[in-house]
Structure formats: structure tokens, C-alpha cells
Amino acid sequence: MQYTSQWERRLFKRIGNYLMKNNKNINECFDLIDTDNSQTISFDELKCALNRFQLSLSDKQLKVFL
């Protein structure tokens, strides 16, 4: 599978739709993902969050996204 900017745009759109559906802004979303309050998002935190957003991705896809 080739990863393109189109693939990334679709992912961002799905995340944006989740935020709107759940009435969250980007700062609230960041705080939900940053579970250890380190002010950074780790690979594992992102993986858990995207699963919570019903956006299950492979580790390879997550690395590209990061």
C-alpha cells in the first residue's frame, strides 16, 4: 500500500469528524491522547487513541502518520 497525502487527508478528515461528532476541540483531543500528561504524544498513546476513534491502523500506517 502506498501512502500519499490523499491517504493522510482522509485520516485527518475522519479524526475531524470524530471531534465534531463528540463536540471536542483539538486541545481537548490532544489532552485525551496524552494520557501521561507529558505534553507529547507517544506512538503507543496515538495507537490507543486512534483505536478509540475507531481508526484502527497498522503499525506501519501509524509510523507514516507520525
C-alpha atoms as a PDB file:
ATOM      1  CA  MET A   1       0.000   0.000   0.000  1.00  0.00           C
ATOM      2  CA  GLN A   2       1.360   3.390  -0.962  1.00  0.00           C
ATOM      3  CA  TYR A   3       0.847   6.236   1.491  1.00  0.00           C
ATOM      4  CA  THR A   4       0.038   9.574  -0.092  1.00  0.00           C
ATOM      5  CA  SER A   5      -1.098  12.971   1.020  1.00  0.00           C
ATOM      6  CA  GLN A   6      -4.567  11.842  -0.104  1.00  0.00           C
ATOM      7  CA  TRP A   7      -4.408   8.972   2.414  1.00  0.00           C
ATOM      8  CA  GLU A   8      -3.370  11.410   5.137  1.00  0.00           C
ATOM      9  CA  ARG A   9      -6.180  13.825   4.245  1.00  0.00           C
ATOM     10  CA  ARG A  10      -8.719  11.023   4.586  1.00  0.00           C
ATOM     11  CA  LEU A  11      -7.319  10.172   8.018  1.00  0.00           C
ATOM     12  CA  PHE A  12      -7.439  13.804   9.181  1.00  0.00           C
ATOM     13  CA  LYS A  13     -10.995  14.073   7.887  1.00  0.00           C
ATOM     14  CA  ARG A  14     -12.034  11.020   9.909  1.00  0.00           C
ATOM     15  CA  ILE A  15     -10.400  12.476  13.036  1.00  0.00           C
ATOM     16  CA  GLY A  16     -12.112  15.829  12.408  1.00  0.00           C
ATOM     17  CA  ASN A  17     -15.452  14.073  12.015  1.00  0.00           C
ATOM     18  CA  TYR A  18     -14.878  12.293  15.332  1.00  0.00           C
ATOM     19  CA  LEU A  19     -14.104  15.603  17.051  1.00  0.00           C
ATOM     20  CA  MET A  20     -17.222  17.269  15.659  1.00  0.00           C
ATOM     21  CA  LYS A  21     -19.416  14.280  16.481  1.00  0.00           C
ATOM     22  CA  ASN A  22     -18.161  14.270  20.077  1.00  0.00           C
ATOM     23  CA  ASN A  23     -18.118  18.076  20.423  1.00  0.00           C
ATOM     24  CA  LYS A  24     -14.360  18.208  21.117  1.00  0.00           C
ATOM     25  CA  ASN A  25     -11.779  20.770  20.035  1.00  0.00           C
ATOM     26  CA  ILE A  26      -8.195  19.974  19.085  1.00  0.00           C
ATOM     27  CA  ASN A  27      -6.829  20.883  22.540  1.00  0.00           C
ATOM     28  CA  GLU A  28      -9.296  18.547  24.242  1.00  0.00           C
ATOM     29  CA  CYS A  29      -8.374  15.869  21.750  1.00  0.00           C
ATOM     30  CA  PHE A  30      -4.657  16.304  22.492  1.00  0.00           C
ATOM     31  CA  ASP A  31      -5.351  16.027  26.227  1.00  0.00           C
ATOM     32  CA  LEU A  32      -7.329  12.827  25.659  1.00  0.00           C
ATOM     33  CA  ILE A  33      -4.454  11.307  23.705  1.00  0.00           C
ATOM     34  CA  ASP A  34      -1.640  12.487  26.041  1.00  0.00           C
ATOM     35  CA  THR A  35      -2.560  10.102  28.847  1.00  0.00           C
ATOM     36  CA  ASP A  36       0.720  10.566  30.757  1.00  0.00           C
ATOM     37  CA  ASN A  37       0.468  14.392  30.604  1.00  0.00           C
ATOM     38  CA  SER A  38       3.952  14.674  29.111  1.00  0.00           C
ATOM     39  CA  GLN A  39       2.830  17.316  26.578  1.00  0.00           C
ATOM     40  CA  THR A  40       3.929  14.922  23.819  1.00  0.00           C
ATOM     41  CA  ILE A  41       2.135  12.045  22.156  1.00  0.00           C
ATOM     42  CA  SER A  42       3.954   8.741  22.015  1.00  0.00           C
ATOM     43  CA  PHE A  43       3.451   6.015  19.455  1.00  0.00           C
ATOM     44  CA  ASP A  44       1.518   3.909  21.983  1.00  0.00           C
ATOM     45  CA  GLU A  45      -0.693   6.826  23.037  1.00  0.00           C
ATOM     46  CA  LEU A  46      -1.505   7.578  19.416  1.00  0.00           C
ATOM     47  CA  LYS A  47      -2.243   3.933  18.681  1.00  0.00           C
ATOM     48  CA  CYS A  48      -4.650   3.683  21.637  1.00  0.00           C
ATOM     49  CA  ALA A  49      -6.327   6.968  20.730  1.00  0.00           C
ATOM     50  CA  LEU A  50      -6.882   6.066  17.092  1.00  0.00           C
ATOM     51  CA  ASN A  51      -8.382   2.756  18.172  1.00  0.00           C
ATOM     52  CA  ARG A  52     -10.676   4.750  20.473  1.00  0.00           C
ATOM     53  CA  PHE A  53     -11.586   6.919  17.478  1.00  0.00           C
ATOM     54  CA  GLN A  54     -12.389   3.694  15.592  1.00  0.00           C
ATOM     55  CA  LEU A  55      -9.443   4.318  13.257  1.00  0.00           C
ATOM     56  CA  SER A  56      -7.533   1.072  13.583  1.00  0.00           C
ATOM     57  CA  LEU A  57      -4.252   1.379  11.681  1.00  0.00           C
ATOM     58  CA  SER A  58      -1.319  -0.936  11.272  1.00  0.00           C
ATOM     59  CA  ASP A  59       1.939  -0.039  12.996  1.00  0.00           C
ATOM     60  CA  LYS A  60       3.382   0.845   9.575  1.00  0.00           C
ATOM     61  CA  GLN A  61       0.493   3.232   8.886  1.00  0.00           C
ATOM     62  CA  LEU A  62       0.904   4.801  12.330  1.00  0.00           C
ATOM     63  CA  LYS A  63       4.610   5.386  11.722  1.00  0.00           C
ATOM     64  CA  VAL A  64       3.795   7.134   8.444  1.00  0.00           C
ATOM     65  CA  PHE A  65       1.149   9.231  10.199  1.00  0.00           C
ATOM     66  CA  LEU A  66       3.570  10.261  12.941  1.00  0.00           C
END
